[in-house]
Amino acid sequence: ARTLLLNPSILVLDDSTSSVDMETEYLIQQALEAVMQGRTTF
């Protein structure tokens, strides 16, 4: 959330969902897919 608020053109996610279970990661990933639109993401 802290990173998304910055509204950057480039996103860098260094294993950013490694500390969550698969179900929680699935929910986060769904949200991030919308955020990644129009952004270069590593």
Full PDB file with SEQRES, HELIX, SHEET, SSBOND, CRYST1, ORIGX, SCALE, CONECT and MASTER records, all heavy atoms in Angstrom:
SEQRES   1 A   42  ALA ARG THR LEU LEU LEU ASN PRO SER ILE LEU VAL LEU          
SEQRES   2 A   42  ASP ASP SER THR SER SER VAL ASP MET GLU THR GLU TYR          
SEQRES   3 A   42  LEU ILE GLN GLN ALA LEU GLU ALA VAL MET GLN GLY ARG          
SEQRES   4 A   42  THR THR PHE                                                  
HELIX    1 AA1 ARG A    2  LEU A    6  1                                   5    
HELIX    2 AA2 MET A   22  MET A   36  1                                  15    
SHEET    1 AA1 2 ILE A  10  LEU A  11  0                                        
SHEET    2 AA1 2 THR A  40  THR A  41  1                                        
CRYST1    1.000    1.000    1.000  90.00  90.00  90.00 P 1           1          
ORIGX1      1.000000  0.000000  0.000000        0.00000                         
ORIGX2      0.000000  1.000000  0.000000        0.00000                         
ORIGX3      0.000000  0.000000  1.000000        0.00000                         
SCALE1      1.000000  0.000000  0.000000        0.00000                         
SCALE2      0.000000  1.000000  0.000000        0.00000                         
SCALE3      0.000000  0.000000  1.000000        0.00000                         
ATOM      1  N   ALA A   1       0.839  -1.210   0.000  1.00  0.00           N  
ATOM      2  CA  ALA A   1       0.000   0.000   0.000  1.00  0.00           C  
ATOM      3  C   ALA A   1       0.868   1.253   0.000  1.00  0.00           C  
ATOM      4  O   ALA A   1       0.566   2.242  -0.694  1.00  0.00           O  
ATOM      5  CB  ALA A   1      -0.917  -0.014   1.216  1.00  0.00           C  
ATOM      6  N   ARG A   2       1.945   1.248   0.761  1.00  0.00           N  
ATOM      7  CA  ARG A   2       2.860   2.395   0.816  1.00  0.00           C  
ATOM      8  C   ARG A   2       3.455   2.684  -0.560  1.00  0.00           C  
ATOM      9  O   ARG A   2       3.587   3.845  -0.966  1.00  0.00           O  
ATOM     10  CB  ARG A   2       3.962   2.103   1.846  1.00  0.00           C  
ATOM     11  CG  ARG A   2       4.985   3.200   2.002  1.00  0.00           C  
ATOM     12  CD  ARG A   2       5.883   2.928   3.202  1.00  0.00           C  
ATOM     13  NE  ARG A   2       6.631   1.686   3.085  1.00  0.00           N  
ATOM     14  CZ  ARG A   2       7.322   1.124   4.091  1.00  0.00           C  
ATOM     15  NH1 ARG A   2       7.332   1.690   5.275  1.00  0.00           N  
ATOM     16  NH2 ARG A   2       7.967  -0.001   3.910  1.00  0.00           N  
ATOM     17  N   THR A   3       3.800   1.631  -1.287  1.00  0.00           N  
ATOM     18  CA  THR A   3       4.371   1.807  -2.619  1.00  0.00           C  
ATOM     19  C   THR A   3       3.322   2.256  -3.626  1.00  0.00           C  
ATOM     20  O   THR A   3       3.569   3.120  -4.466  1.00  0.00           O  
ATOM     21  CB  THR A   3       5.022   0.493  -3.080  1.00  0.00           C  
ATOM     22  OG1 THR A   3       6.045   0.126  -2.151  1.00  0.00           O  
ATOM     23  CG2 THR A   3       5.641   0.642  -4.458  1.00  0.00           C  
ATOM     24  N   LEU A   4       2.131   1.677  -3.547  1.00  0.00           N  
ATOM     25  CA  LEU A   4       1.074   2.038  -4.490  1.00  0.00           C  
ATOM     26  C   LEU A   4       0.678   3.501  -4.359  1.00  0.00           C  
ATOM     27  O   LEU A   4       0.323   4.155  -5.343  1.00  0.00           O  
ATOM     28  CB  LEU A   4      -0.148   1.151  -4.271  1.00  0.00           C  
ATOM     29  CG  LEU A   4       0.037  -0.345  -4.537  1.00  0.00           C  
ATOM     30  CD1 LEU A   4      -1.249  -1.097  -4.275  1.00  0.00           C  
ATOM     31  CD2 LEU A   4       0.516  -0.577  -5.959  1.00  0.00           C  
ATOM     32  N   LEU A   5       0.729   4.031  -3.136  1.00  0.00           N  
ATOM     33  CA  LEU A   5       0.369   5.426  -2.914  1.00  0.00           C  
ATOM     34  C   LEU A   5       1.307   6.374  -3.659  1.00  0.00           C  
ATOM     35  O   LEU A   5       0.926   7.483  -4.031  1.00  0.00           O  
ATOM     36  CB  LEU A   5       0.385   5.729  -1.408  1.00  0.00           C  
ATOM     37  CG  LEU A   5      -0.206   7.062  -0.969  1.00  0.00           C  
ATOM     38  CD1 LEU A   5      -1.685   7.141  -1.316  1.00  0.00           C  
ATOM     39  CD2 LEU A   5      -0.011   7.251   0.536  1.00  0.00           C  
ATOM     40  N   LEU A   6       2.529   5.920  -3.884  1.00  0.00           N  
ATOM     41  CA  LEU A   6       3.507   6.737  -4.614  1.00  0.00           C  
ATOM     42  C   LEU A   6       3.122   6.881  -6.092  1.00  0.00           C  
ATOM     43  O   LEU A   6       3.580   7.809  -6.760  1.00  0.00           O  
ATOM     44  CB  LEU A   6       4.894   6.098  -4.488  1.00  0.00           C  
ATOM     45  CG  LEU A   6       6.113   6.884  -4.939  1.00  0.00           C  
ATOM     46  CD1 LEU A   6       6.285   8.151  -4.106  1.00  0.00           C  
ATOM     47  CD2 LEU A   6       7.368   6.018  -4.849  1.00  0.00           C  
ATOM     48  N   ASN A   7       2.298   5.948  -6.591  1.00  0.00           N  
ATOM     49  CA  ASN A   7       1.856   5.942  -7.982  1.00  0.00           C  
ATOM     50  C   ASN A   7       3.044   6.004  -8.949  1.00  0.00           C  
ATOM     51  O   ASN A   7       3.143   6.885  -9.810  1.00  0.00           O  
ATOM     52  CB  ASN A   7       0.914   7.125  -8.248  1.00  0.00           C  
ATOM     53  CG  ASN A   7       0.218   7.006  -9.598  1.00  0.00           C  
ATOM     54  OD1 ASN A   7       0.039   5.907 -10.113  1.00  0.00           O  
ATOM     55  ND2 ASN A   7      -0.146   8.141 -10.178  1.00  0.00           N  
ATOM     56  N   PRO A   8       3.981   5.053  -8.841  1.00  0.00           N  
ATOM     57  CA  PRO A   8       5.182   5.102  -9.678  1.00  0.00           C  
ATOM     58  C   PRO A   8       4.918   4.557 -11.073  1.00  0.00           C  
ATOM     59  O   PRO A   8       3.962   3.804 -11.300  1.00  0.00           O  
ATOM     60  CB  PRO A   8       6.153   4.195  -8.914  1.00  0.00           C  
ATOM     61  CG  PRO A   8       5.253   3.172  -8.274  1.00  0.00           C  
ATOM     62  CD  PRO A   8       3.970   3.898  -7.932  1.00  0.00           C  
ATOM     63  N   SER A   9       5.759   4.917 -12.011  1.00  0.00           N  
ATOM     64  CA  SER A   9       5.662   4.373 -13.367  1.00  0.00           C  
ATOM     65  C   SER A   9       6.302   2.999 -13.450  1.00  0.00           C  
ATOM     66  O   SER A   9       5.985   2.212 -14.343  1.00  0.00           O  
ATOM     67  CB  SER A   9       6.350   5.317 -14.360  1.00  0.00           C  
ATOM     68  OG  SER A   9       5.737   6.582 -14.349  1.00  0.00           O  
ATOM     69  N   ILE A  10       7.238   2.729 -12.531  1.00  0.00           N  
ATOM     70  CA  ILE A  10       7.945   1.447 -12.509  1.00  0.00           C  
ATOM     71  C   ILE A  10       7.758   0.834 -11.130  1.00  0.00           C  
ATOM     72  O   ILE A  10       7.986   1.501 -10.115  1.00  0.00           O  
ATOM     73  CB  ILE A  10       9.447   1.634 -12.812  1.00  0.00           C  
ATOM     74  CG1 ILE A  10       9.632   2.285 -14.185  1.00  0.00           C  
ATOM     75  CG2 ILE A  10      10.182   0.308 -12.738  1.00  0.00           C  
ATOM     76  CD1 ILE A  10      11.062   2.697 -14.475  1.00  0.00           C  
ATOM     77  N   LEU A  11       7.335  -0.417 -11.095  1.00  0.00           N  
ATOM     78  CA  LEU A  11       7.176  -1.141  -9.842  1.00  0.00           C  
ATOM     79  C   LEU A  11       8.282  -2.179  -9.706  1.00  0.00           C  
ATOM     80  O   LEU A  11       8.610  -2.877 -10.674  1.00  0.00           O  
ATOM     81  CB  LEU A  11       5.822  -1.862  -9.792  1.00  0.00           C  
ATOM     82  CG  LEU A  11       4.584  -1.067  -9.382  1.00  0.00           C  
ATOM     83  CD1 LEU A  11       3.348  -1.945  -9.509  1.00  0.00           C  
ATOM     84  CD2 LEU A  11       4.715  -0.556  -7.958  1.00  0.00           C  
ATOM     85  N   VAL A  12       8.849  -2.276  -8.509  1.00  0.00           N  
ATOM     86  CA  VAL A  12       9.846  -3.294  -8.209  1.00  0.00           C  
ATOM     87  C   VAL A  12       9.354  -4.079  -7.007  1.00  0.00           C  
ATOM     88  O   VAL A  12       9.228  -3.534  -5.911  1.00  0.00           O  
ATOM     89  CB  VAL A  12      11.227  -2.660  -7.909  1.00  0.00           C  
ATOM     90  CG1 VAL A  12      12.213  -3.726  -7.456  1.00  0.00           C  
ATOM     91  CG2 VAL A  12      11.749  -1.941  -9.137  1.00  0.00           C  
ATOM     92  N   LEU A  13       9.027  -5.333  -7.224  1.00  0.00           N  
ATOM     93  CA  LEU A  13       8.492  -6.195  -6.171  1.00  0.00           C  
ATOM     94  C   LEU A  13       9.502  -7.307  -5.922  1.00  0.00           C  
ATOM     95  O   LEU A  13       9.585  -8.275  -6.694  1.00  0.00           O  
ATOM     96  CB  LEU A  13       7.134  -6.778  -6.577  1.00  0.00           C  
ATOM     97  CG  LEU A  13       6.103  -5.764  -7.081  1.00  0.00           C  
ATOM     98  CD1 LEU A  13       4.842  -6.468  -7.556  1.00  0.00           C  
ATOM     99  CD2 LEU A  13       5.764  -4.750  -6.006  1.00  0.00           C  
ATOM    100  N   ASP A  14      10.280  -7.154  -4.870  1.00  0.00           N  
ATOM    101  CA  ASP A  14      11.337  -8.118  -4.566  1.00  0.00           C  
ATOM    102  C   ASP A  14      10.747  -9.246  -3.719  1.00  0.00           C  
ATOM    103  O   ASP A  14      10.808  -9.216  -2.495  1.00  0.00           O  
ATOM    104  CB  ASP A  14      12.484  -7.418  -3.831  1.00  0.00           C  
ATOM    105  CG  ASP A  14      13.702  -8.329  -3.701  1.00  0.00           C  
ATOM    106  OD1 ASP A  14      13.610  -9.504  -4.090  1.00  0.00           O  
ATOM    107  OD2 ASP A  14      14.741  -7.857  -3.205  1.00  0.00           O  
ATOM    108  N   ASP A  15      10.163 -10.247  -4.413  1.00  0.00           N  
ATOM    109  CA  ASP A  15       9.535 -11.370  -3.724  1.00  0.00           C  
ATOM    110  C   ASP A  15       8.535 -10.854  -2.691  1.00  0.00           C  
ATOM    111  O   ASP A  15       8.496 -11.305  -1.552  1.00  0.00           O  
ATOM    112  CB  ASP A  15      10.598 -12.240  -3.053  1.00  0.00           C  
ATOM    113  CG  ASP A  15      10.168 -13.701  -2.981  1.00  0.00           C  
ATOM    114  OD1 ASP A  15       9.096 -14.017  -3.528  1.00  0.00           O  
ATOM    115  OD2 ASP A  15      10.889 -14.498  -2.377  1.00  0.00           O  
ATOM    116  N   SER A  16       7.726  -9.848  -3.110  1.00  0.00           N  
ATOM    117  CA  SER A  16       6.920  -9.081  -2.168  1.00  0.00           C  
ATOM    118  C   SER A  16       5.758  -9.861  -1.578  1.00  0.00           C  
ATOM    119  O   SER A  16       5.110  -9.394  -0.656  1.00  0.00           O  
ATOM    120  CB  SER A  16       6.365  -7.833  -2.863  1.00  0.00           C  
ATOM    121  OG  SER A  16       5.562  -8.230  -3.957  1.00  0.00           O  
ATOM    122  N   THR A  17       5.456 -11.048  -2.106  1.00  0.00           N  
ATOM    123  CA  THR A  17       4.377 -11.854  -1.527  1.00  0.00           C  
ATOM    124  C   THR A  17       4.903 -13.155  -0.943  1.00  0.00           C  
ATOM    125  O   THR A  17       4.156 -14.104  -0.747  1.00  0.00           O  
ATOM    126  CB  THR A  17       3.319 -12.171  -2.602  1.00  0.00           C  
ATOM    127  OG1 THR A  17       3.947 -12.824  -3.703  1.00  0.00           O  
ATOM    128  CG2 THR A  17       2.637 -10.910  -3.081  1.00  0.00           C  
ATOM    129  N   SER A  18       6.198 -13.177  -0.623  1.00  0.00           N  
ATOM    130  CA  SER A  18       6.797 -14.415  -0.134  1.00  0.00           C  
ATOM    131  C   SER A  18       6.377 -14.752   1.283  1.00  0.00           C  
ATOM    132  O   SER A  18       6.521 -15.878   1.722  1.00  0.00           O  
ATOM    133  CB  SER A  18       8.325 -14.313  -0.205  1.00  0.00           C  
ATOM    134  OG  SER A  18       8.781 -13.246   0.610  1.00  0.00           O  
ATOM    135  N   SER A  19       5.893 -13.755   2.043  1.00  0.00           N  
ATOM    136  CA  SER A  19       5.570 -13.994   3.442  1.00  0.00           C  
ATOM    137  C   SER A  19       4.089 -14.272   3.678  1.00  0.00           C  
ATOM    138  O   SER A  19       3.637 -14.261   4.805  1.00  0.00           O  
ATOM    139  CB  SER A  19       5.996 -12.779   4.289  1.00  0.00           C  
ATOM    140  OG  SER A  19       7.380 -12.618   4.238  1.00  0.00           O  
ATOM    141  N   VAL A  20       3.315 -14.491   2.599  1.00  0.00           N  
ATOM    142  CA  VAL A  20       1.892 -14.734   2.775  1.00  0.00           C  
ATOM    143  C   VAL A  20       1.554 -16.117   2.248  1.00  0.00           C  
ATOM    144  O   VAL A  20       2.254 -16.686   1.421  1.00  0.00           O  
ATOM    145  CB  VAL A  20       1.057 -13.658   2.047  1.00  0.00           C  
ATOM    146  CG1 VAL A  20       1.348 -12.286   2.602  1.00  0.00           C  
ATOM    147  CG2 VAL A  20       1.301 -13.677   0.541  1.00  0.00           C  
ATOM    148  N   ASP A  21       0.429 -16.652   2.724  1.00  0.00           N  
ATOM    149  CA  ASP A  21      -0.013 -17.946   2.232  1.00  0.00           C  
ATOM    150  C   ASP A  21      -0.552 -17.786   0.814  1.00  0.00           C  
ATOM    151  O   ASP A  21      -0.788 -16.674   0.324  1.00  0.00           O  
ATOM    152  CB  ASP A  21      -1.072 -18.528   3.161  1.00  0.00           C  
ATOM    153  CG  ASP A  21      -2.256 -17.584   3.312  1.00  0.00           C  
ATOM    154  OD1 ASP A  21      -3.067 -17.497   2.367  1.00  0.00           O  
ATOM    155  OD2 ASP A  21      -2.352 -16.917   4.364  1.00  0.00           O  
ATOM    156  N   MET A  22      -0.797 -18.933   0.163  1.00  0.00           N  
ATOM    157  CA  MET A  22      -1.166 -18.885  -1.252  1.00  0.00           C  
ATOM    158  C   MET A  22      -2.505 -18.195  -1.471  1.00  0.00           C  
ATOM    159  O   MET A  22      -2.684 -17.480  -2.455  1.00  0.00           O  
ATOM    160  CB  MET A  22      -1.194 -20.300  -1.819  1.00  0.00           C  
ATOM    161  CG  MET A  22       0.184 -20.905  -2.027  1.00  0.00           C  
ATOM    162  SD  MET A  22       0.123 -22.471  -2.896  1.00  0.00           S  
ATOM    163  CE  MET A  22       1.875 -22.844  -3.001  1.00  0.00           C  
ATOM    164  N   GLU A  23      -3.453 -18.411  -0.560  1.00  0.00           N  
ATOM    165  CA  GLU A  23      -4.762 -17.800  -0.736  1.00  0.00           C  
ATOM    166  C   GLU A  23      -4.679 -16.284  -0.607  1.00  0.00           C  
ATOM    167  O   GLU A  23      -5.248 -15.537  -1.411  1.00  0.00           O  
ATOM    168  CB  GLU A  23      -5.749 -18.363   0.285  1.00  0.00           C  
ATOM    169  CG  GLU A  23      -7.182 -17.935   0.016  1.00  0.00           C  
ATOM    170  CD  GLU A  23      -8.179 -18.697   0.882  1.00  0.00           C  
ATOM    171  OE1 GLU A  23      -7.762 -19.596   1.630  1.00  0.00           O  
ATOM    172  OE2 GLU A  23      -9.363 -18.360   0.800  1.00  0.00           O  
ATOM    173  N   THR A  24      -3.921 -15.807   0.397  1.00  0.00           N  
ATOM    174  CA  THR A  24      -3.748 -14.362   0.564  1.00  0.00           C  
ATOM    175  C   THR A  24      -2.968 -13.786  -0.611  1.00  0.00           C  
ATOM    176  O   THR A  24      -3.291 -12.713  -1.128  1.00  0.00           O  
ATOM    177  CB  THR A  24      -3.002 -14.070   1.877  1.00  0.00           C  
ATOM    178  OG1 THR A  24      -3.710 -14.667   2.960  1.00  0.00           O  
ATOM    179  CG2 THR A  24      -2.864 -12.585   2.110  1.00  0.00           C  
ATOM    180  N   GLU A  25      -1.964 -14.520  -1.055  1.00  0.00           N  
ATOM    181  CA  GLU A  25      -1.175 -14.063  -2.198  1.00  0.00           C  
ATOM    182  C   GLU A  25      -2.036 -13.969  -3.454  1.00  0.00           C  
ATOM    183  O   GLU A  25      -1.881 -13.067  -4.281  1.00  0.00           O  
ATOM    184  CB  GLU A  25      -0.010 -15.023  -2.413  1.00  0.00           C  
ATOM    185  CG  GLU A  25       1.003 -14.569  -3.480  1.00  0.00           C  
ATOM    186  CD  GLU A  25       0.658 -15.106  -4.860  1.00  0.00           C  
ATOM    187  OE1 GLU A  25      -0.102 -16.082  -4.927  1.00  0.00           O  
ATOM    188  OE2 GLU A  25       1.122 -14.525  -5.849  1.00  0.00           O  
ATOM    189  N   TYR A  26      -2.976 -14.904  -3.576  1.00  0.00           N  
ATOM    190  CA  TYR A  26      -3.894 -14.896  -4.725  1.00  0.00           C  
ATOM    191  C   TYR A  26      -4.739 -13.628  -4.731  1.00  0.00           C  
ATOM    192  O   TYR A  26      -4.928 -12.979  -5.769  1.00  0.00           O  
ATOM    193  CB  TYR A  26      -4.759 -16.142  -4.649  1.00  0.00           C  
ATOM    194  CG  TYR A  26      -5.743 -16.294  -5.787  1.00  0.00           C  
ATOM    195  CD1 TYR A  26      -5.314 -16.627  -7.064  1.00  0.00           C  
ATOM    196  CD2 TYR A  26      -7.106 -16.104  -5.563  1.00  0.00           C  
ATOM    197  CE1 TYR A  26      -6.222 -16.766  -8.103  1.00  0.00           C  
ATOM    198  CE2 TYR A  26      -8.015 -16.238  -6.598  1.00  0.00           C  
ATOM    199  CZ  TYR A  26      -7.574 -16.572  -7.874  1.00  0.00           C  
ATOM    200  OH  TYR A  26      -8.473 -16.702  -8.893  1.00  0.00           O  
ATOM    201  N   LEU A  27      -5.223 -13.235  -3.557  1.00  0.00           N  
ATOM    202  CA  LEU A  27      -6.022 -12.019  -3.455  1.00  0.00           C  
ATOM    203  C   LEU A  27      -5.182 -10.781  -3.762  1.00  0.00           C  
ATOM    204  O   LEU A  27      -5.608  -9.874  -4.479  1.00  0.00           O  
ATOM    205  CB  LEU A  27      -6.626 -11.909  -2.048  1.00  0.00           C  
ATOM    206  CG  LEU A  27      -7.647 -12.991  -1.663  1.00  0.00           C  
ATOM    207  CD1 LEU A  27      -8.021 -12.854  -0.187  1.00  0.00           C  
ATOM    208  CD2 LEU A  27      -8.886 -12.898  -2.540  1.00  0.00           C  
ATOM    209  N   ILE A  28      -3.968 -10.739  -3.200  1.00  0.00           N  
ATOM    210  CA  ILE A  28      -3.075  -9.591  -3.456  1.00  0.00           C  
ATOM    211  C   ILE A  28      -2.744  -9.499  -4.941  1.00  0.00           C  
ATOM    212  O   ILE A  28      -2.725  -8.423  -5.540  1.00  0.00           O  
ATOM    213  CB  ILE A  28      -1.791  -9.713  -2.617  1.00  0.00           C  
ATOM    214  CG1 ILE A  28      -2.120  -9.597  -1.122  1.00  0.00           C  
ATOM    215  CG2 ILE A  28      -0.786  -8.639  -3.002  1.00  0.00           C  
ATOM    216  CD1 ILE A  28      -0.932  -9.829  -0.221  1.00  0.00           C  
ATOM    217  N   GLN A  29      -2.484 -10.686  -5.540  1.00  0.00           N  
ATOM    218  CA  GLN A  29      -2.098 -10.681  -6.941  1.00  0.00           C  
ATOM    219  C   GLN A  29      -3.228 -10.158  -7.824  1.00  0.00           C  
ATOM    220  O   GLN A  29      -2.993  -9.429  -8.794  1.00  0.00           O  
ATOM    221  CB  GLN A  29      -1.701 -12.094  -7.371  1.00  0.00           C  
ATOM    222  CG  GLN A  29      -0.987 -12.148  -8.709  1.00  0.00           C  
ATOM    223  CD  GLN A  29       0.336 -11.414  -8.660  1.00  0.00           C  
ATOM    224  OE1 GLN A  29       1.118 -11.570  -7.726  1.00  0.00           O  
ATOM    225  NE2 GLN A  29       0.606 -10.589  -9.646  1.00  0.00           N  
ATOM    226  N   GLN A  30      -4.472 -10.496  -7.472  1.00  0.00           N  
ATOM    227  CA  GLN A  30      -5.605  -9.973  -8.223  1.00  0.00           C  
ATOM    228  C   GLN A  30      -5.637  -8.449  -8.185  1.00  0.00           C  
ATOM    229  O   GLN A  30      -5.891  -7.785  -9.197  1.00  0.00           O  
ATOM    230  CB  GLN A  30      -6.912 -10.528  -7.643  1.00  0.00           C  
ATOM    231  CG  GLN A  30      -7.219 -11.961  -8.046  1.00  0.00           C  
ATOM    232  CD  GLN A  30      -8.559 -12.401  -7.499  1.00  0.00           C  
ATOM    233  OE1 GLN A  30      -8.913 -12.096  -6.356  1.00  0.00           O  
ATOM    234  NE2 GLN A  30      -9.329 -13.117  -8.315  1.00  0.00           N  
ATOM    235  N   ALA A  31      -5.372  -7.884  -7.008  1.00  0.00           N  
ATOM    236  CA  ALA A  31      -5.353  -6.422  -6.874  1.00  0.00           C  
ATOM    237  C   ALA A  31      -4.190  -5.817  -7.643  1.00  0.00           C  
ATOM    238  O   ALA A  31      -4.327  -4.789  -8.309  1.00  0.00           O  
ATOM    239  CB  ALA A  31      -5.269  -6.033  -5.403  1.00  0.00           C  
ATOM    240  N   LEU A  32      -3.033  -6.480  -7.574  1.00  0.00           N  
ATOM    241  CA  LEU A  32      -1.842  -5.926  -8.224  1.00  0.00           C  
ATOM    242  C   LEU A  32      -1.963  -5.953  -9.744  1.00  0.00           C  
ATOM    243  O   LEU A  32      -1.369  -5.124 -10.437  1.00  0.00           O  
ATOM    244  CB  LEU A  32      -0.593  -6.698  -7.783  1.00  0.00           C  
ATOM    245  CG  LEU A  32      -0.114  -6.445  -6.351  1.00  0.00           C  
ATOM    246  CD1 LEU A  32       1.107  -7.293  -6.046  1.00  0.00           C  
ATOM    247  CD2 LEU A  32       0.199  -4.971  -6.129  1.00  0.00           C  
ATOM    248  N   GLU A  33      -2.706  -6.914 -10.272  1.00  0.00           N  
ATOM    249  CA  GLU A  33      -2.843  -6.987 -11.729  1.00  0.00           C  
ATOM    250  C   GLU A  33      -3.439  -5.701 -12.292  1.00  0.00           C  
ATOM    251  O   GLU A  33      -3.018  -5.211 -13.342  1.00  0.00           O  
ATOM    252  CB  GLU A  33      -3.713  -8.197 -12.103  1.00  0.00           C  
ATOM    253  CG  GLU A  33      -2.961  -9.508 -12.005  1.00  0.00           C  
ATOM    254  CD  GLU A  33      -3.869 -10.705 -12.269  1.00  0.00           C  
ATOM    255  OE1 GLU A  33      -5.058 -10.477 -12.597  1.00  0.00           O  
ATOM    256  OE2 GLU A  33      -3.387 -11.833 -12.144  1.00  0.00           O  
ATOM    257  N   ALA A  34      -4.401  -5.138 -11.556  1.00  0.00           N  
ATOM    258  CA  ALA A  34      -4.998  -3.879 -12.008  1.00  0.00           C  
ATOM    259  C   ALA A  34      -4.003  -2.736 -11.879  1.00  0.00           C  
ATOM    260  O   ALA A  34      -3.930  -1.853 -12.748  1.00  0.00           O  
ATOM    261  CB  ALA A  34      -6.253  -3.582 -11.197  1.00  0.00           C  
ATOM    262  N   VAL A  35      -3.230  -2.768 -10.804  1.00  0.00           N  
ATOM    263  CA  VAL A  35      -2.257  -1.693 -10.566  1.00  0.00           C  
ATOM    264  C   VAL A  35      -1.123  -1.744 -11.591  1.00  0.00           C  
ATOM    265  O   VAL A  35      -0.580  -0.720 -11.994  1.00  0.00           O  
ATOM    266  CB  VAL A  35      -1.692  -1.804  -9.133  1.00  0.00           C  
ATOM    267  CG1 VAL A  35      -0.639  -0.741  -8.879  1.00  0.00           C  
ATOM    268  CG2 VAL A  35      -2.804  -1.695  -8.124  1.00  0.00           C  
ATOM    269  N   MET A  36      -0.768  -2.951 -12.035  1.00  0.00           N  
ATOM    270  CA  MET A  36       0.346  -3.101 -12.963  1.00  0.00           C  
ATOM    271  C   MET A  36       0.022  -2.577 -14.353  1.00  0.00           C  
ATOM    272  O   MET A  36       0.936  -2.333 -15.147  1.00  0.00           O  
ATOM    273  CB  MET A  36       0.742  -4.581 -13.059  1.00  0.00           C  
ATOM    274  CG  MET A  36       1.424  -5.125 -11.820  1.00  0.00           C  
ATOM    275  SD  MET A  36       1.776  -6.901 -11.997  1.00  0.00           S  
ATOM    276  CE  MET A  36       2.437  -7.274 -10.360  1.00  0.00           C  
ATOM    277  N   GLN A  37      -1.250  -2.407 -14.651  1.00  0.00           N  
ATOM    278  CA  GLN A  37      -1.634  -1.922 -15.981  1.00  0.00           C  
ATOM    279  C   GLN A  37      -0.994  -0.556 -16.234  1.00  0.00           C  
ATOM    280  O   GLN A  37      -1.159   0.380 -15.457  1.00  0.00           O  
ATOM    281  CB  GLN A  37      -3.160  -1.812 -16.082  1.00  0.00           C  
ATOM    282  CG  GLN A  37      -3.887  -3.145 -15.999  1.00  0.00           C  
ATOM    283  CD  GLN A  37      -3.513  -4.072 -17.135  1.00  0.00           C  
ATOM    284  OE1 GLN A  37      -3.330  -3.620 -18.273  1.00  0.00           O  
ATOM    285  NE2 GLN A  37      -3.392  -5.357 -16.845  1.00  0.00           N  
ATOM    286  N   GLY A  38      -0.243  -0.476 -17.330  1.00  0.00           N  
ATOM    287  CA  GLY A  38       0.388   0.788 -17.680  1.00  0.00           C  
ATOM    288  C   GLY A  38       1.676   1.056 -16.919  1.00  0.00           C  
ATOM    289  O   GLY A  38       2.281   2.115 -17.093  1.00  0.00           O  
ATOM    290  N   ARG A  39       2.093   0.107 -16.079  1.00  0.00           N  
ATOM    291  CA  ARG A  39       3.344   0.279 -15.321  1.00  0.00           C  
ATOM    292  C   ARG A  39       4.323  -0.833 -15.680  1.00  0.00           C  
ATOM    293  O   ARG A  39       3.937  -2.001 -15.797  1.00  0.00           O  
ATOM    294  CB  ARG A  39       3.088   0.242 -13.807  1.00  0.00           C  
ATOM    295  CG  ARG A  39       2.366   1.450 -13.265  1.00  0.00           C  
ATOM    296  CD  ARG A  39       2.296   1.357 -11.739  1.00  0.00           C  
ATOM    297  NE  ARG A  39       1.753   2.565 -11.151  1.00  0.00           N  
ATOM    298  CZ  ARG A  39       0.448   2.780 -10.937  1.00  0.00           C  
ATOM    299  NH1 ARG A  39      -0.431   1.848 -11.276  1.00  0.00           N  
ATOM    300  NH2 ARG A  39       0.031   3.910 -10.409  1.00  0.00           N  
ATOM    301  N   THR A  40       5.565  -0.465 -15.819  1.00  0.00           N  
ATOM    302  CA  THR A  40       6.607  -1.470 -15.991  1.00  0.00           C  
ATOM    303  C   THR A  40       6.867  -2.097 -14.629  1.00  0.00           C  
ATOM    304  O   THR A  40       7.113  -1.390 -13.654  1.00  0.00           O  
ATOM    305  CB  THR A  40       7.889  -0.828 -16.533  1.00  0.00           C  
ATOM    306  OG1 THR A  40       7.571  -0.106 -17.723  1.00  0.00           O  
ATOM    307  CG2 THR A  40       8.942  -1.866 -16.818  1.00  0.00           C  
ATOM    308  N   THR A  41       6.820  -3.424 -14.578  1.00  0.00           N  
ATOM    309  CA  THR A  41       6.924  -4.107 -13.282  1.00  0.00           C  
ATOM    310  C   THR A  41       8.010  -5.169 -13.332  1.00  0.00           C  
ATOM    311  O   THR A  41       8.041  -6.011 -14.241  1.00  0.00           O  
ATOM    312  CB  THR A  41       5.583  -4.765 -12.909  1.00  0.00           C  
ATOM    313  OG1 THR A  41       4.548  -3.786 -12.967  1.00  0.00           O  
ATOM    314  CG2 THR A  41       5.645  -5.357 -11.513  1.00  0.00           C  
ATOM    315  N   PHE A  42       8.913  -5.111 -12.345  1.00  0.00           N  
ATOM    316  CA  PHE A  42       9.937  -6.139 -12.154  1.00  0.00           C  
ATOM    317  C   PHE A  42       9.583  -6.915 -10.890  1.00  0.00           C  
ATOM    318  O   PHE A  42       9.382  -6.324  -9.829  1.00  0.00           O  
ATOM    319  CB  PHE A  42      11.319  -5.507 -11.993  1.00  0.00           C  
ATOM    320  CG  PHE A  42      11.826  -4.837 -13.240  1.00  0.00           C  
ATOM    321  CD1 PHE A  42      11.417  -3.560 -13.581  1.00  0.00           C  
ATOM    322  CD2 PHE A  42      12.720  -5.484 -14.074  1.00  0.00           C  
ATOM    323  CE1 PHE A  42      11.878  -2.933 -14.726  1.00  0.00           C  
ATOM    324  CE2 PHE A  42      13.190  -4.875 -15.228  1.00  0.00           C  
ATOM    325  CZ  PHE A  42      12.768  -3.597 -15.561  1.00  0.00           C  
TER     326      PHE A  42                                                      
MASTER        0    0    0    2    2    0    0    6  325    1    0    4          
END                                                                             
